[in-house]
Amino acid sequence: MKADLIKEDELHILLIDVAQKYGYDFTEYSMASLKRRVNRLCLIDKHKSFAELRYRILNDEEYLSRFVEEITVNVTEMFRDPSFYKTIRETIIPELATHPHIKIWLAGCSTGEEVYSLSIVLHETGLLHKTLLYATDINPSVLEVAKQGIYAIGDMKLYSENYINSGGIKDFSTYYSAIYDHIKLIDELKLNTVFATHNLVADRSFNEFQLIICRNVLIYFNKDLQEKVLTLFDDSLENSAFLALGSKETIRFSDLESKYTQIGREKIWRKNC
């Protein structure tokens, strides 16, 4: 079976079909990245032609869920890039603490590891009780994983190291209980968290936030879509609020650059008053 079964023009047709029938618009995602993932799906599920894949997606809503899950990237871990969380803890948290109520949006939250990482930082700095955290993703199936807060026990050694390197002040194991080969994070970490589907491509701003975190999502969008999503974030941030992106993402050379000031070395910017 060919590794490049689906051609770029066929992929474009399929993406338009999916957008028109289901409302999932991937037409402005990076075509090279999407093409690799769709062809991988064809190899795994043994589709022999573009027509076969197209028919399955457009006539089987359950398979659509698999399609969406495969082409949206869900690589994440707790306290990923510990220096990022150290900056959140030491530099951003003191600023957030000046607000009577805090609203944070974690966009593209995937399976939730970074949501709970942030909750732990907020808990340890005494802000979790007055914070409302919105965790959103386009993919309903990864949101279900996030809501459960259950992860493989084999990942805990790495997560514990990340936590310590990020400035964690407790024994990381106090935040979960073991269940055979998995762990369940304590419920306290999600008491003030709203998990919801949100499409960065099509949906509008839904609140005003003091901090928006969207890490390692924009790298999969083309330039026009990146600009559109950055504008959405700008519309959703209060003056003097913070925008945090992934290590390979930036607002440099965007229309927003002049409106923000970078905080230290991390990919965190503060909106000018």
C-alpha atoms as a PDB file:
ATOM      1  CA  MET A   1       0.000   0.000   0.000  1.00  0.00           C
ATOM      2  CA  LYS A   2       1.390   3.404  -0.948  1.00  0.00           C
ATOM      3  CA  ALA A   3       2.452   5.729   1.844  1.00  0.00           C
ATOM      4  CA  ASP A   4       1.100   8.694  -0.154  1.00  0.00           C
ATOM      5  CA  LEU A   5      -2.264   7.224  -1.124  1.00  0.00           C
ATOM      6  CA  ILE A   6      -4.086  10.540  -0.613  1.00  0.00           C
ATOM      7  CA  LYS A   7      -2.905  13.397  -2.824  1.00  0.00           C
ATOM      8  CA  GLU A   8      -3.035  17.029  -1.745  1.00  0.00           C
ATOM      9  CA  ASP A   9      -5.877  17.955  -4.115  1.00  0.00           C
ATOM     10  CA  GLU A  10      -7.907  14.983  -2.832  1.00  0.00           C
ATOM     11  CA  LEU A  11      -7.186  15.973   0.759  1.00  0.00           C
ATOM     12  CA  HIS A  12      -8.465  19.482   0.048  1.00  0.00           C
ATOM     13  CA  ILE A  13     -11.727  18.039  -1.345  1.00  0.00           C
ATOM     14  CA  LEU A  14     -12.120  15.837   1.741  1.00  0.00           C
ATOM     15  CA  LEU A  15     -11.515  18.737   4.146  1.00  0.00           C
ATOM     16  CA  ILE A  16     -14.165  20.843   2.388  1.00  0.00           C
ATOM     17  CA  ASP A  17     -16.599  17.898   2.622  1.00  0.00           C
ATOM     18  CA  VAL A  18     -15.941  17.511   6.357  1.00  0.00           C
ATOM     19  CA  ALA A  19     -16.313  21.251   6.974  1.00  0.00           C
ATOM     20  CA  GLN A  20     -19.602  21.455   5.084  1.00  0.00           C
ATOM     21  CA  LYS A  21     -21.176  18.326   6.584  1.00  0.00           C
ATOM     22  CA  TYR A  22     -19.838  18.340  10.150  1.00  0.00           C
ATOM     23  CA  GLY A  23     -18.534  21.856  10.830  1.00  0.00           C
ATOM     24  CA  TYR A  24     -14.938  20.772  11.463  1.00  0.00           C
ATOM     25  CA  ASP A  25     -12.843  23.141   9.342  1.00  0.00           C
ATOM     26  CA  PHE A  26      -9.272  21.947   8.820  1.00  0.00           C
ATOM     27  CA  THR A  27      -8.793  23.705   5.478  1.00  0.00           C
ATOM     28  CA  GLU A  28      -6.287  26.193   6.897  1.00  0.00           C
ATOM     29  CA  TYR A  29      -4.186  23.660   8.759  1.00  0.00           C
ATOM     30  CA  SER A  30      -0.705  22.910   7.441  1.00  0.00           C
ATOM     31  CA  MET A  31      -1.319  20.696   4.398  1.00  0.00           C
ATOM     32  CA  ALA A  32       2.013  18.858   4.656  1.00  0.00           C
ATOM     33  CA  SER A  33       1.309  17.844   8.252  1.00  0.00           C
ATOM     34  CA  LEU A  34      -2.316  16.860   7.540  1.00  0.00           C
ATOM     35  CA  LYS A  35      -1.328  14.845   4.487  1.00  0.00           C
ATOM     36  CA  ARG A  36       1.113  12.767   6.531  1.00  0.00           C
ATOM     37  CA  ARG A  37      -1.494  12.036   9.201  1.00  0.00           C
ATOM     38  CA  VAL A  38      -4.315  11.193   6.780  1.00  0.00           C
ATOM     39  CA  ASN A  39      -2.067   8.840   4.840  1.00  0.00           C
ATOM     40  CA  ARG A  40      -1.033   7.220   8.108  1.00  0.00           C
ATOM     41  CA  LEU A  41      -4.721   6.703   8.924  1.00  0.00           C
ATOM     42  CA  CYS A  42      -5.230   5.042   5.533  1.00  0.00           C
ATOM     43  CA  LEU A  43      -2.330   2.671   6.170  1.00  0.00           C
ATOM     44  CA  ILE A  44      -3.550   1.732   9.647  1.00  0.00           C
ATOM     45  CA  ASP A  45      -7.195   1.239   8.624  1.00  0.00           C
ATOM     46  CA  LYS A  46      -6.314  -0.298   5.252  1.00  0.00           C
ATOM     47  CA  HIS A  47      -8.198   2.085   2.994  1.00  0.00           C
ATOM     48  CA  LYS A  48      -7.348   1.264  -0.600  1.00  0.00           C
ATOM     49  CA  SER A  49      -8.388   4.527  -2.218  1.00  0.00           C
ATOM     50  CA  PHE A  50      -9.369   8.123  -1.616  1.00  0.00           C
ATOM     51  CA  ALA A  51     -12.962   7.288  -2.585  1.00  0.00           C
ATOM     52  CA  GLU A  52     -13.131   4.572   0.089  1.00  0.00           C
ATOM     53  CA  LEU A  53     -11.846   6.880   2.833  1.00  0.00           C
ATOM     54  CA  ARG A  54     -14.144   9.716   1.748  1.00  0.00           C
ATOM     55  CA  TYR A  55     -17.228   7.476   1.697  1.00  0.00           C
ATOM     56  CA  ARG A  56     -16.445   6.089   5.181  1.00  0.00           C
ATOM     57  CA  ILE A  57     -15.992   9.533   6.736  1.00  0.00           C
ATOM     58  CA  LEU A  58     -19.071  11.082   5.147  1.00  0.00           C
ATOM     59  CA  ASN A  59     -21.368   8.157   5.979  1.00  0.00           C
ATOM     60  CA  ASP A  60     -20.148   7.039   9.394  1.00  0.00           C
ATOM     61  CA  GLU A  61     -20.159   9.648  12.178  1.00  0.00           C
ATOM     62  CA  GLU A  62     -18.370   7.285  14.531  1.00  0.00           C
ATOM     63  CA  TYR A  63     -15.533   7.009  12.049  1.00  0.00           C
ATOM     64  CA  LEU A  64     -15.475  10.791  11.754  1.00  0.00           C
ATOM     65  CA  SER A  65     -14.484  10.859  15.429  1.00  0.00           C
ATOM     66  CA  ARG A  66     -11.548   8.598  14.657  1.00  0.00           C
ATOM     67  CA  PHE A  67     -10.568  10.820  11.724  1.00  0.00           C
ATOM     68  CA  VAL A  68     -10.612  13.944  13.902  1.00  0.00           C
ATOM     69  CA  GLU A  69      -8.633  12.199  16.633  1.00  0.00           C
ATOM     70  CA  GLU A  70      -5.963  11.027  14.198  1.00  0.00           C
ATOM     71  CA  ILE A  71      -5.400  14.334  12.441  1.00  0.00           C
ATOM     72  CA  THR A  72      -5.366  16.517  15.566  1.00  0.00           C
ATOM     73  CA  VAL A  73      -2.065  16.233  17.388  1.00  0.00           C
ATOM     74  CA  ASN A  74      -2.353  15.181  21.037  1.00  0.00           C
ATOM     75  CA  VAL A  75       1.236  14.963  22.243  1.00  0.00           C
ATOM     76  CA  THR A  76       1.457  16.357  25.765  1.00  0.00           C
ATOM     77  CA  GLU A  77       2.756  15.698  29.272  1.00  0.00           C
ATOM     78  CA  MET A  78       2.489  17.141  32.764  1.00  0.00           C
ATOM     79  CA  PHE A  79       4.752  20.147  33.403  1.00  0.00           C
ATOM     80  CA  ARG A  80       6.040  19.951  29.850  1.00  0.00           C
ATOM     81  CA  ASP A  81       8.971  22.388  29.549  1.00  0.00           C
ATOM     82  CA  PRO A  82       9.463  22.866  33.316  1.00  0.00           C
ATOM     83  CA  SER A  83      11.027  26.319  32.849  1.00  0.00           C
ATOM     84  CA  PHE A  84       7.715  27.503  31.390  1.00  0.00           C
ATOM     85  CA  TYR A  85       5.836  26.503  34.556  1.00  0.00           C
ATOM     86  CA  LYS A  86       8.591  27.970  36.717  1.00  0.00           C
ATOM     87  CA  THR A  87       8.021  31.314  34.970  1.00  0.00           C
ATOM     88  CA  ILE A  88       4.256  30.965  35.446  1.00  0.00           C
ATOM     89  CA  ARG A  89       4.813  30.264  39.149  1.00  0.00           C
ATOM     90  CA  GLU A  90       7.378  32.984  39.836  1.00  0.00           C
ATOM     91  CA  THR A  91       6.448  35.775  37.421  1.00  0.00           C
ATOM     92  CA  ILE A  92       2.845  35.425  36.221  1.00  0.00           C
ATOM     93  CA  ILE A  93       1.163  34.114  39.386  1.00  0.00           C
ATOM     94  CA  PRO A  94       2.071  37.193  41.486  1.00  0.00           C
ATOM     95  CA  GLU A  95       0.384  39.358  38.840  1.00  0.00           C
ATOM     96  CA  LEU A  96      -2.715  37.154  38.730  1.00  0.00           C
ATOM     97  CA  ALA A  97      -2.911  37.230  42.524  1.00  0.00           C
ATOM     98  CA  THR A  98      -3.822  40.931  42.406  1.00  0.00           C
ATOM     99  CA  HIS A  99      -7.210  40.093  40.851  1.00  0.00           C
ATOM    100  CA  PRO A 100     -10.203  39.233  43.062  1.00  0.00           C
ATOM    101  CA  HIS A 101     -11.262  36.587  40.536  1.00  0.00           C
ATOM    102  CA  ILE A 102      -9.071  34.937  37.908  1.00  0.00           C
ATOM    103  CA  LYS A 103     -10.157  33.527  34.541  1.00  0.00           C
ATOM    104  CA  ILE A 104      -7.729  31.385  32.556  1.00  0.00           C
ATOM    105  CA  TRP A 105      -8.263  29.733  29.174  1.00  0.00           C
ATOM    106  CA  LEU A 106      -6.172  26.715  28.225  1.00  0.00           C
ATOM    107  CA  ALA A 107      -6.954  26.301  24.516  1.00  0.00           C
ATOM    108  CA  GLY A 108      -6.138  23.044  22.746  1.00  0.00           C
ATOM    109  CA  CYS A 109      -5.895  21.270  26.095  1.00  0.00           C
ATOM    110  CA  SER A 110      -5.725  17.776  24.546  1.00  0.00           C
ATOM    111  CA  THR A 111      -5.909  14.996  27.167  1.00  0.00           C
ATOM    112  CA  GLY A 112      -5.548  17.427  30.052  1.00  0.00           C
ATOM    113  CA  GLU A 113      -2.044  16.937  31.418  1.00  0.00           C
ATOM    114  CA  GLU A 114      -1.218  20.641  31.136  1.00  0.00           C
ATOM    115  CA  VAL A 115      -4.561  21.605  32.670  1.00  0.00           C
ATOM    116  CA  TYR A 116      -3.772  19.669  35.831  1.00  0.00           C
ATOM    117  CA  SER A 117      -0.203  20.984  35.828  1.00  0.00           C
ATOM    118  CA  LEU A 118      -1.557  24.514  35.939  1.00  0.00           C
ATOM    119  CA  SER A 119      -4.095  23.550  38.621  1.00  0.00           C
ATOM    120  CA  ILE A 120      -1.275  22.240  40.805  1.00  0.00           C
ATOM    121  CA  VAL A 121       0.645  25.509  40.442  1.00  0.00           C
ATOM    122  CA  LEU A 122      -2.501  27.475  41.307  1.00  0.00           C
ATOM    123  CA  HIS A 123      -3.161  25.188  44.288  1.00  0.00           C
ATOM    124  CA  GLU A 124       0.358  25.577  45.655  1.00  0.00           C
ATOM    125  CA  THR A 125       0.276  29.359  45.276  1.00  0.00           C
ATOM    126  CA  GLY A 126      -3.122  29.685  46.968  1.00  0.00           C
ATOM    127  CA  LEU A 127      -5.048  30.848  43.901  1.00  0.00           C
ATOM    128  CA  LEU A 128      -6.999  27.776  42.816  1.00  0.00           C
ATOM    129  CA  HIS A 129     -10.020  28.642  44.964  1.00  0.00           C
ATOM    130  CA  LYS A 130     -10.560  31.949  43.137  1.00  0.00           C
ATOM    131  CA  THR A 131      -9.681  30.760  39.624  1.00  0.00           C
ATOM    132  CA  LEU A 132     -12.055  29.610  36.885  1.00  0.00           C
ATOM    133  CA  LEU A 133     -10.123  27.578  34.344  1.00  0.00           C
ATOM    134  CA  TYR A 134     -11.617  26.877  30.918  1.00  0.00           C
ATOM    135  CA  ALA A 135     -10.023  23.852  29.229  1.00  0.00           C
ATOM    136  CA  THR A 136     -11.070  23.488  25.586  1.00  0.00           C
ATOM    137  CA  ASP A 137     -10.272  21.336  22.591  1.00  0.00           C
ATOM    138  CA  ILE A 138     -11.835  20.621  19.202  1.00  0.00           C
ATOM    139  CA  ASN A 139     -11.709  16.864  19.859  1.00  0.00           C
ATOM    140  CA  PRO A 140     -14.474  15.535  22.190  1.00  0.00           C
ATOM    141  CA  SER A 141     -12.718  12.208  22.789  1.00  0.00           C
ATOM    142  CA  VAL A 142      -9.553  13.764  24.248  1.00  0.00           C
ATOM    143  CA  LEU A 143     -11.720  15.998  26.436  1.00  0.00           C
ATOM    144  CA  GLU A 144     -13.295  12.882  27.947  1.00  0.00           C
ATOM    145  CA  VAL A 145      -9.813  11.684  28.898  1.00  0.00           C
ATOM    146  CA  ALA A 146      -9.054  15.108  30.372  1.00  0.00           C
ATOM    147  CA  LYS A 147     -12.228  15.078  32.469  1.00  0.00           C
ATOM    148  CA  GLN A 148     -11.330  11.695  33.961  1.00  0.00           C
ATOM    149  CA  GLY A 149      -7.823  12.733  35.027  1.00  0.00           C
ATOM    150  CA  ILE A 150      -6.593   9.130  34.714  1.00  0.00           C
ATOM    151  CA  TYR A 151      -3.141   8.503  33.216  1.00  0.00           C
ATOM    152  CA  ALA A 152      -0.584   5.710  32.838  1.00  0.00           C
ATOM    153  CA  ILE A 153       1.425   5.113  35.996  1.00  0.00           C
ATOM    154  CA  GLY A 154       4.531   4.617  33.879  1.00  0.00           C
ATOM    155  CA  ASP A 155       4.560   8.337  33.054  1.00  0.00           C
ATOM    156  CA  MET A 156       4.719   9.438  36.687  1.00  0.00           C
ATOM    157  CA  LYS A 157       8.521   9.299  36.995  1.00  0.00           C
ATOM    158  CA  LEU A 158       8.922  11.811  34.154  1.00  0.00           C
ATOM    159  CA  TYR A 159       6.037  13.940  35.395  1.00  0.00           C
ATOM    160  CA  SER A 160       7.480  14.003  38.906  1.00  0.00           C
ATOM    161  CA  GLU A 161      10.868  15.135  37.557  1.00  0.00           C
ATOM    162  CA  ASN A 162       9.180  17.827  35.480  1.00  0.00           C
ATOM    163  CA  TYR A 163       7.206  18.955  38.521  1.00  0.00           C
ATOM    164  CA  ILE A 164      10.314  19.259  40.695  1.00  0.00           C
ATOM    165  CA  ASN A 165      12.206  21.141  37.976  1.00  0.00           C
ATOM    166  CA  SER A 166       9.260  23.528  37.587  1.00  0.00           C
ATOM    167  CA  GLY A 167       9.511  24.599  41.225  1.00  0.00           C
ATOM    168  CA  GLY A 168       7.066  22.154  42.803  1.00  0.00           C
ATOM    169  CA  ILE A 169       7.076  22.264  46.595  1.00  0.00           C
ATOM    170  CA  LYS A 170       5.383  18.993  47.608  1.00  0.00           C
ATOM    171  CA  ASP A 171       5.721  15.271  47.027  1.00  0.00           C
ATOM    172  CA  PHE A 172       4.155  14.869  43.575  1.00  0.00           C
ATOM    173  CA  SER A 173       2.533  11.576  44.595  1.00  0.00           C
ATOM    174  CA  THR A 174       0.211  13.456  46.975  1.00  0.00           C
ATOM    175  CA  TYR A 175      -1.731  14.605  43.896  1.00  0.00           C
ATOM    176  CA  TYR A 176      -2.830  11.147  42.756  1.00  0.00           C
ATOM    177  CA  SER A 177      -3.814   7.661  43.839  1.00  0.00           C
ATOM    178  CA  ALA A 178      -2.679   4.502  42.082  1.00  0.00           C
ATOM    179  CA  ILE A 179      -5.216   2.222  40.375  1.00  0.00           C
ATOM    180  CA  TYR A 180      -3.398  -0.868  39.045  1.00  0.00           C
ATOM    181  CA  ASP A 181      -1.326   0.407  36.089  1.00  0.00           C
ATOM    182  CA  HIS A 182      -2.908   3.868  36.095  1.00  0.00           C
ATOM    183  CA  ILE A 183      -3.190   6.830  38.453  1.00  0.00           C
ATOM    184  CA  LYS A 184      -6.148   9.102  39.162  1.00  0.00           C
ATOM    185  CA  LEU A 185      -5.473  12.738  39.970  1.00  0.00           C
ATOM    186  CA  ILE A 186      -7.273  14.096  43.019  1.00  0.00           C
ATOM    187  CA  ASP A 187     -10.657  15.686  42.315  1.00  0.00           C
ATOM    188  CA  GLU A 188      -9.665  18.944  44.010  1.00  0.00           C
ATOM    189  CA  LEU A 189      -7.554  19.807  40.960  1.00  0.00           C
ATOM    190  CA  LYS A 190     -10.605  20.070  38.694  1.00  0.00           C
ATOM    191  CA  LEU A 191     -13.177  21.644  41.007  1.00  0.00           C
ATOM    192  CA  ASN A 192     -12.970  25.010  39.230  1.00  0.00           C
ATOM    193  CA  THR A 193     -12.321  23.680  35.724  1.00  0.00           C
ATOM    194  CA  VAL A 194     -14.793  23.731  32.837  1.00  0.00           C
ATOM    195  CA  PHE A 195     -13.999  21.233  30.061  1.00  0.00           C
ATOM    196  CA  ALA A 196     -15.690  22.129  26.772  1.00  0.00           C
ATOM    197  CA  THR A 197     -15.347  21.708  23.029  1.00  0.00           C
ATOM    198  CA  HIS A 198     -14.192  24.816  21.210  1.00  0.00           C
ATOM    199  CA  ASN A 199     -13.086  25.200  17.607  1.00  0.00           C
ATOM    200  CA  LEU A 200     -10.352  27.817  17.301  1.00  0.00           C
ATOM    201  CA  VAL A 201     -11.043  28.042  13.576  1.00  0.00           C
ATOM    202  CA  ALA A 202     -14.780  28.731  13.705  1.00  0.00           C
ATOM    203  CA  ASP A 203     -15.849  29.682  17.239  1.00  0.00           C
ATOM    204  CA  ARG A 204     -15.738  33.151  18.730  1.00  0.00           C
ATOM    205  CA  SER A 205     -14.403  34.611  21.959  1.00  0.00           C
ATOM    206  CA  PHE A 206     -16.530  33.552  24.944  1.00  0.00           C
ATOM    207  CA  ASN A 207     -15.041  35.507  27.881  1.00  0.00           C
ATOM    208  CA  GLU A 208     -12.344  37.926  28.997  1.00  0.00           C
ATOM    209  CA  PHE A 209      -9.265  36.307  30.516  1.00  0.00           C
ATOM    210  CA  GLN A 210      -6.208  37.303  32.496  1.00  0.00           C
ATOM    211  CA  LEU A 211      -4.202  34.440  31.000  1.00  0.00           C
ATOM    212  CA  ILE A 212      -4.544  32.359  27.836  1.00  0.00           C
ATOM    213  CA  ILE A 213      -2.311  29.338  27.302  1.00  0.00           C
ATOM    214  CA  CYS A 214      -2.234  27.665  23.893  1.00  0.00           C
ATOM    215  CA  ARG A 215       0.923  25.641  23.459  1.00  0.00           C
ATOM    216  CA  ASN A 216       2.013  23.655  20.410  1.00  0.00           C
ATOM    217  CA  VAL A 217      -1.201  24.196  18.467  1.00  0.00           C
ATOM    218  CA  LEU A 218      -0.398  27.121  16.170  1.00  0.00           C
ATOM    219  CA  ILE A 219       2.544  25.277  14.623  1.00  0.00           C
ATOM    220  CA  TYR A 220       0.022  23.068  12.804  1.00  0.00           C
ATOM    221  CA  PHE A 221      -1.810  26.051  11.239  1.00  0.00           C
ATOM    222  CA  ASN A 222      -0.891  28.017   8.147  1.00  0.00           C
ATOM    223  CA  LYS A 223       0.070  31.690   8.472  1.00  0.00           C
ATOM    224  CA  ASP A 224      -3.423  33.085   7.815  1.00  0.00           C
ATOM    225  CA  LEU A 225      -5.037  30.810  10.380  1.00  0.00           C
ATOM    226  CA  GLN A 226      -2.348  31.612  12.934  1.00  0.00           C
ATOM    227  CA  GLU A 227      -3.161  35.292  12.502  1.00  0.00           C
ATOM    228  CA  LYS A 228      -6.887  34.590  12.862  1.00  0.00           C
ATOM    229  CA  VAL A 229      -6.418  32.622  16.079  1.00  0.00           C
ATOM    230  CA  LEU A 230      -4.039  35.192  17.553  1.00  0.00           C
ATOM    231  CA  THR A 231      -6.682  37.849  16.896  1.00  0.00           C
ATOM    232  CA  LEU A 232      -9.222  35.664  18.703  1.00  0.00           C
ATOM    233  CA  PHE A 233      -6.896  35.468  21.686  1.00  0.00           C
ATOM    234  CA  ASP A 234      -6.309  39.209  21.612  1.00  0.00           C
ATOM    235  CA  ASP A 235     -10.066  39.817  21.648  1.00  0.00           C
ATOM    236  CA  SER A 236     -10.312  37.466  24.641  1.00  0.00           C
ATOM    237  CA  LEU A 237      -7.636  39.077  26.808  1.00  0.00           C
ATOM    238  CA  GLU A 238      -8.018  41.960  29.219  1.00  0.00           C
ATOM    239  CA  ASN A 239      -5.477  44.781  29.087  1.00  0.00           C
ATOM    240  CA  SER A 240      -2.256  43.773  30.902  1.00  0.00           C
ATOM    241  CA  ALA A 241      -3.243  40.093  30.584  1.00  0.00           C
ATOM    242  CA  PHE A 242      -0.888  37.327  29.430  1.00  0.00           C
ATOM    243  CA  LEU A 243      -0.665  35.101  26.341  1.00  0.00           C
ATOM    244  CA  ALA A 244       1.476  31.947  26.513  1.00  0.00           C
ATOM    245  CA  LEU A 245       2.444  29.891  23.463  1.00  0.00           C
ATOM    246  CA  GLY A 246       4.605  26.831  22.754  1.00  0.00           C
ATOM    247  CA  SER A 247       8.391  26.880  22.547  1.00  0.00           C
ATOM    248  CA  LYS A 248       8.372  27.012  18.728  1.00  0.00           C
ATOM    249  CA  GLU A 249       5.552  29.547  18.443  1.00  0.00           C
ATOM    250  CA  THR A 250       5.663  33.332  18.429  1.00  0.00           C
ATOM    251  CA  ILE A 251       3.668  36.498  17.837  1.00  0.00           C
ATOM    252  CA  ARG A 252       6.678  38.112  16.174  1.00  0.00           C
ATOM    253  CA  PHE A 253       5.921  39.290  12.645  1.00  0.00           C
ATOM    254  CA  SER A 254       2.182  39.109  13.398  1.00  0.00           C
ATOM    255  CA  ASP A 255      -0.276  42.001  13.531  1.00  0.00           C
ATOM    256  CA  LEU A 256      -0.256  41.677  17.332  1.00  0.00           C
ATOM    257  CA  GLU A 257       3.454  42.143  17.895  1.00  0.00           C
ATOM    258  CA  SER A 258       3.326  45.875  18.657  1.00  0.00           C
ATOM    259  CA  LYS A 259       0.539  45.366  21.225  1.00  0.00           C
ATOM    260  CA  TYR A 260       2.475  42.934  23.439  1.00  0.00           C
ATOM    261  CA  THR A 261       5.698  42.773  25.441  1.00  0.00           C
ATOM    262  CA  GLN A 262       7.547  39.477  25.892  1.00  0.00           C
ATOM    263  CA  ILE A 263       8.176  38.286  29.454  1.00  0.00           C
ATOM    264  CA  GLY A 264      11.714  36.940  29.845  1.00  0.00           C
ATOM    265  CA  ARG A 265      12.890  34.064  27.662  1.00  0.00           C
ATOM    266  CA  GLU A 266       9.680  32.061  27.661  1.00  0.00           C
ATOM    267  CA  LYS A 267       7.063  32.408  24.930  1.00  0.00           C
ATOM    268  CA  ILE A 268       4.847  34.504  27.199  1.00  0.00           C
ATOM    269  CA  TRP A 269       3.664  38.001  26.269  1.00  0.00           C
ATOM    270  CA  ARG A 270       1.840  40.693  28.202  1.00  0.00           C
ATOM    271  CA  LYS A 271      -0.824  42.750  26.488  1.00  0.00           C
ATOM    272  CA  ASN A 272      -0.020  46.462  26.674  1.00  0.00           C
ATOM    273  CA  CYS A 273      -2.542  48.729  28.357  1.00  0.00           C
END
